[in-house]
Amino acid sequence: MQLKGKIAELQQKLSTPVVKKEQHQIISPSKKEQEMSTLLEQINRQLETVERARRQLTVDVERLTAQKSRLEREMLVQKSEMDEQKEQLQKSQREKEELEQKITVLLEQVCMYLM
């Protein structure tokens, strides 16, 4: 991540003491430089937190996508089973109607025989 690298580079530059060329003395960072360094550290921590959250979201999306695929497959299987059961029910209803017709014909024949 480029932004993270630049933040680290700036942080390194701000935390390194400045050496005066004429006197070769080490000058401690100014208050403004310390504030900037602190701000960069905070931004870096926030960036790391956001990056972890982004990775977690990616994992969650992948998990949910896999779950969705499984549920879609299960739904297709159940729909297929339901269609088969519906066909079986229709077939049974037709057979029932045929049997009722045969019973009616047989009852009529028995009645005619008895008369």
Protein backbone atom coordinates (compact mmCIF):
# COMPACT_ATOMS: atom_id res chain seq x y z
CA MET A 1 0.00 0.00 0.00
CA GLN A 2 1.66 3.23 -1.19
CA LEU A 3 0.00 5.54 1.34
CA LYS A 4 1.19 3.40 4.22
CA GLY A 5 4.74 3.47 2.88
CA LYS A 6 4.74 7.24 2.49
CA ILE A 7 3.39 7.67 6.02
CA ALA A 8 6.14 5.43 7.37
CA GLU A 9 8.75 7.38 5.39
CA LEU A 10 7.52 10.73 6.71
CA GLN A 11 7.36 9.30 10.21
CA GLN A 12 10.98 8.15 9.90
CA LYS A 13 12.10 11.57 8.66
CA LEU A 14 10.27 13.34 11.48
CA SER A 15 11.66 11.07 14.16
CA THR A 16 15.27 11.42 12.98
CA PRO A 17 17.04 14.30 14.76
CA VAL A 18 18.29 17.13 12.56
CA VAL A 19 22.04 17.78 12.49
CA LYS A 20 23.19 21.34 11.87
CA LYS A 21 25.88 21.31 9.24
CA GLU A 22 27.84 24.24 10.64
CA GLN A 23 28.01 23.11 14.24
CA HIS A 24 27.41 19.33 13.90
CA GLN A 25 24.99 19.54 16.79
CA ILE A 26 21.92 17.38 17.12
CA ILE A 27 18.77 19.43 17.35
CA SER A 28 15.72 17.72 18.78
CA PRO A 29 12.54 17.88 16.72
CA SER A 30 10.46 21.01 17.17
CA LYS A 31 7.07 20.92 18.81
CA LYS A 32 5.42 21.14 15.39
CA GLU A 33 7.50 18.20 14.14
CA GLN A 34 6.54 16.19 17.22
CA GLU A 35 2.88 17.01 16.64
CA MET A 36 3.20 15.94 13.01
CA SER A 37 4.92 12.73 14.07
CA THR A 38 2.14 12.00 16.56
CA LEU A 39 -0.49 12.75 13.92
CA LEU A 40 1.24 10.43 11.44
CA GLU A 41 1.31 7.66 14.06
CA GLN A 42 -2.42 8.12 14.67
CA ILE A 43 -3.15 8.08 10.95
CA ASN A 44 -1.00 4.98 10.55
CA ARG A 45 -2.91 3.17 13.32
CA GLN A 46 -6.22 4.20 11.76
CA LEU A 47 -5.01 3.01 8.38
CA GLU A 48 -4.05 -0.36 9.83
CA THR A 49 -7.46 -0.62 11.50
CA VAL A 50 -9.22 0.19 8.24
CA GLU A 51 -7.08 -2.33 6.38
CA ARG A 52 -7.95 -5.07 8.89
CA ALA A 53 -11.64 -4.16 8.58
CA ARG A 54 -11.39 -4.28 4.78
CA ARG A 55 -9.77 -7.73 4.87
CA GLN A 56 -12.46 -8.94 7.28
CA LEU A 57 -15.17 -7.62 4.96
CA THR A 58 -13.56 -9.45 2.06
CA VAL A 59 -13.60 -12.68 4.06
CA ASP A 60 -17.23 -12.06 5.07
CA VAL A 61 -18.26 -11.39 1.46
CA GLU A 62 -16.57 -14.60 0.31
CA ARG A 63 -18.25 -16.58 3.09
CA LEU A 64 -21.67 -15.11 2.28
CA THR A 65 -21.17 -15.73 -1.43
CA ALA A 66 -20.40 -19.38 -0.75
CA GLN A 67 -23.41 -19.62 1.56
CA LYS A 68 -25.62 -18.03 -1.12
CA SER A 69 -24.40 -20.57 -3.68
CA ARG A 70 -25.15 -23.47 -1.31
CA LEU A 71 -28.63 -22.11 -0.60
CA GLU A 72 -29.33 -21.65 -4.32
CA ARG A 73 -28.31 -25.27 -4.99
CA GLU A 74 -30.50 -26.49 -2.11
CA MET A 75 -33.39 -24.39 -3.42
CA LEU A 76 -33.04 -25.95 -6.90
CA VAL A 77 -33.00 -29.45 -5.40
CA GLN A 78 -36.10 -28.69 -3.32
CA LYS A 79 -37.87 -27.13 -6.31
CA SER A 80 -37.11 -30.23 -8.36
CA GLU A 81 -38.42 -32.49 -5.59
CA MET A 82 -41.52 -30.34 -5.27
CA ASP A 83 -42.16 -30.53 -9.02
CA GLU A 84 -41.80 -34.32 -8.90
CA GLN A 85 -44.21 -34.53 -5.98
CA LYS A 86 -46.66 -32.27 -7.80
CA GLU A 87 -46.52 -34.56 -10.85
CA GLN A 88 -47.01 -37.60 -8.63
CA LEU A 89 -50.02 -35.95 -6.97
CA GLN A 90 -51.58 -35.15 -10.35
CA LYS A 91 -51.00 -38.73 -11.49
CA SER A 92 -52.60 -40.06 -8.30
CA GLN A 93 -55.59 -37.77 -8.76
CA ARG A 94 -56.07 -38.99 -12.33
CA GLU A 95 -55.86 -42.62 -11.16
CA LYS A 96 -58.40 -41.88 -8.42
CA GLU A 97 -60.82 -40.37 -10.92
CA GLU A 98 -60.41 -43.39 -13.21
CA LEU A 99 -61.06 -45.75 -10.30
CA GLU A 100 -64.14 -43.77 -9.26
CA GLN A 101 -65.47 -44.02 -12.83
CA LYS A 102 -64.85 -47.79 -12.87
CA ILE A 103 -66.61 -48.14 -9.50
CA THR A 104 -69.56 -46.19 -10.83
CA VAL A 105 -69.77 -48.39 -13.94
CA LEU A 106 -69.50 -51.56 -11.81
CA LEU A 107 -72.21 -50.33 -9.42
CA GLU A 108 -74.48 -49.62 -12.37
CA GLN A 109 -73.83 -53.09 -13.74
CA VAL A 110 -74.58 -54.68 -10.36
CA CYS A 111 -77.79 -52.69 -10.05
CA MET A 112 -78.87 -53.76 -13.54
CA TYR A 113 -78.07 -57.37 -12.75
CA LEU A 114 -80.11 -57.28 -9.57
CA MET A 115 -83.14 -55.88 -11.27
